[in-house]
Structures are given as C-alpha cells and as structure tokens.
Amino acid sequence: MTFDFKKLPRCGAKARSNGYQPCRQAAMQNGRCYFHGGKSPVKHGFYTKQAMQERRDLKEFCYRIRYEE
C-alpha cells in the first residue's frame, strides 16, 4: 500500500520573504505546519512562574551583595 503525500492538506501560511506565496508543508490538524503554528518540540520553561521568581531572587541577591555591604 502506498501513501500519496501530495494529497495531504497544505499549511497555507504566507510569508513576506517568499513574495506571499503559501507554505507548501503538510498541515497538521490545526491547519498549519510545524513551522507556522505547531507545538514546539523544545520545552525550555524560561517563562514559568518558578523560573521568573528564581531570576528575581537572584537579581535581588546580587543587588544586596553589591550595595548593602
């Protein structure tokens, strides 16, 4: 049994860099490809509440060391 990838629905997102031509990548269930709206495979957690609080605490600690001695 063969699968014809040419019959898959296409992403359709248009970019200024290619003269507003539609993207030709295969679309996911949300209608966009991985580049234009898919879930990122990388989870970095930079903006989690815990990470932001840790950065605030570190910044405050460095300030205290520098100016309160």
C-alpha atoms as a PDB file:
ATOM      1  CA  MET A   1       0.000   0.000   0.000  1.00  0.00           C
ATOM      2  CA  THR A   2       1.439   3.382  -0.967  1.00  0.00           C
ATOM      3  CA  PHE A   3       0.663   6.745   0.547  1.00  0.00           C
ATOM      4  CA  ASP A   4       0.500   9.834  -1.641  1.00  0.00           C
ATOM      5  CA  PHE A   5       1.948  12.775   0.295  1.00  0.00           C
ATOM      6  CA  LYS A   6       0.896  15.147  -2.471  1.00  0.00           C
ATOM      7  CA  LYS A   7      -2.744  14.728  -1.465  1.00  0.00           C
ATOM      8  CA  LEU A   8      -2.243  15.927   2.120  1.00  0.00           C
ATOM      9  CA  PRO A   9      -3.689  19.324   3.042  1.00  0.00           C
ATOM     10  CA  ARG A  10      -1.120  22.120   2.927  1.00  0.00           C
ATOM     11  CA  CYS A  11      -0.246  24.720   5.543  1.00  0.00           C
ATOM     12  CA  GLY A  12      -1.152  27.808   3.547  1.00  0.00           C
ATOM     13  CA  ALA A  13       0.655  30.362   5.754  1.00  0.00           C
ATOM     14  CA  LYS A  14       2.043  33.189   3.673  1.00  0.00           C
ATOM     15  CA  ALA A  15       5.401  34.844   4.330  1.00  0.00           C
ATOM     16  CA  ARG A  16       6.713  38.183   3.116  1.00  0.00           C
ATOM     17  CA  SER A  17      10.106  36.599   2.446  1.00  0.00           C
ATOM     18  CA  ASN A  18       8.787  34.488  -0.409  1.00  0.00           C
ATOM     19  CA  GLY A  19       6.516  37.011  -2.076  1.00  0.00           C
ATOM     20  CA  TYR A  20       3.421  35.979  -0.093  1.00  0.00           C
ATOM     21  CA  GLN A  21       3.386  32.521  -1.619  1.00  0.00           C
ATOM     22  CA  PRO A  22       1.621  29.918   0.562  1.00  0.00           C
ATOM     23  CA  CYS A  23       3.698  27.444   2.534  1.00  0.00           C
ATOM     24  CA  ARG A  24       3.797  24.022   0.914  1.00  0.00           C
ATOM     25  CA  GLN A  25       4.493  21.925   4.008  1.00  0.00           C
ATOM     26  CA  ALA A  26       1.948  19.324   5.053  1.00  0.00           C
ATOM     27  CA  ALA A  27      -0.555  20.696   7.551  1.00  0.00           C
ATOM     28  CA  MET A  28      -1.353  19.253  10.950  1.00  0.00           C
ATOM     29  CA  GLN A  29      -4.831  19.054  12.472  1.00  0.00           C
ATOM     30  CA  ASN A  30      -4.799  22.764  13.294  1.00  0.00           C
ATOM     31  CA  GLY A  31      -4.283  23.636   9.625  1.00  0.00           C
ATOM     32  CA  ARG A  32      -0.672  24.811   9.914  1.00  0.00           C
ATOM     33  CA  CYS A  33       2.705  23.114   9.646  1.00  0.00           C
ATOM     34  CA  TYR A  34       5.196  22.771  12.488  1.00  0.00           C
ATOM     35  CA  PHE A  35       6.940  25.993  11.454  1.00  0.00           C
ATOM     36  CA  HIS A  36       3.779  28.116  11.382  1.00  0.00           C
ATOM     37  CA  GLY A  37       1.808  27.024  14.389  1.00  0.00           C
ATOM     38  CA  GLY A  38       2.731  23.587  15.540  1.00  0.00           C
ATOM     39  CA  LYS A  39       3.822  22.717  19.036  1.00  0.00           C
ATOM     40  CA  SER A  40       7.457  23.325  19.697  1.00  0.00           C
ATOM     41  CA  PRO A  41       9.467  20.158  20.351  1.00  0.00           C
ATOM     42  CA  VAL A  42      11.659  22.117  22.781  1.00  0.00           C
ATOM     43  CA  LYS A  43      10.297  22.926  26.226  1.00  0.00           C
ATOM     44  CA  HIS A  44      12.628  25.401  27.867  1.00  0.00           C
ATOM     45  CA  GLY A  45      10.497  26.732  30.730  1.00  0.00           C
ATOM     46  CA  PHE A  46      12.097  30.189  30.670  1.00  0.00           C
ATOM     47  CA  TYR A  47       8.787  31.920  31.371  1.00  0.00           C
ATOM     48  CA  THR A  48       7.407  29.629  34.051  1.00  0.00           C
ATOM     49  CA  LYS A  49       6.460  31.295  37.325  1.00  0.00           C
ATOM     50  CA  GLN A  50       9.153  29.365  39.138  1.00  0.00           C
ATOM     51  CA  ALA A  51      11.916  30.355  36.707  1.00  0.00           C
ATOM     52  CA  MET A  52      10.904  34.028  36.758  1.00  0.00           C
ATOM     53  CA  GLN A  53      10.833  34.028  40.561  1.00  0.00           C
ATOM     54  CA  GLU A  54      14.292  32.443  40.682  1.00  0.00           C
ATOM     55  CA  ARG A  55      15.646  35.173  38.399  1.00  0.00           C
ATOM     56  CA  ARG A  56      14.050  37.872  40.582  1.00  0.00           C
ATOM     57  CA  ASP A  57      15.568  36.339  43.695  1.00  0.00           C
ATOM     58  CA  LEU A  58      18.997  36.126  42.089  1.00  0.00           C
ATOM     59  CA  LYS A  59      18.793  39.734  40.927  1.00  0.00           C
ATOM     60  CA  GLU A  60      17.823  40.882  44.414  1.00  0.00           C
ATOM     61  CA  PHE A  61      20.632  38.824  45.960  1.00  0.00           C
ATOM     62  CA  CYS A  62      23.212  40.351  43.610  1.00  0.00           C
ATOM     63  CA  TYR A  63      21.898  43.834  44.389  1.00  0.00           C
ATOM     64  CA  ARG A  64      22.244  43.208  48.127  1.00  0.00           C
ATOM     65  CA  ILE A  65      25.794  41.934  47.753  1.00  0.00           C
ATOM     66  CA  ARG A  66      26.813  44.926  45.682  1.00  0.00           C
ATOM     67  CA  TYR A  67      25.146  47.802  47.543  1.00  0.00           C
ATOM     68  CA  GLU A  68      24.455  46.714  51.109  1.00  0.00           C
ATOM     69  CA  GLU A  69      27.896  45.699  52.320  1.00  0.00           C
END
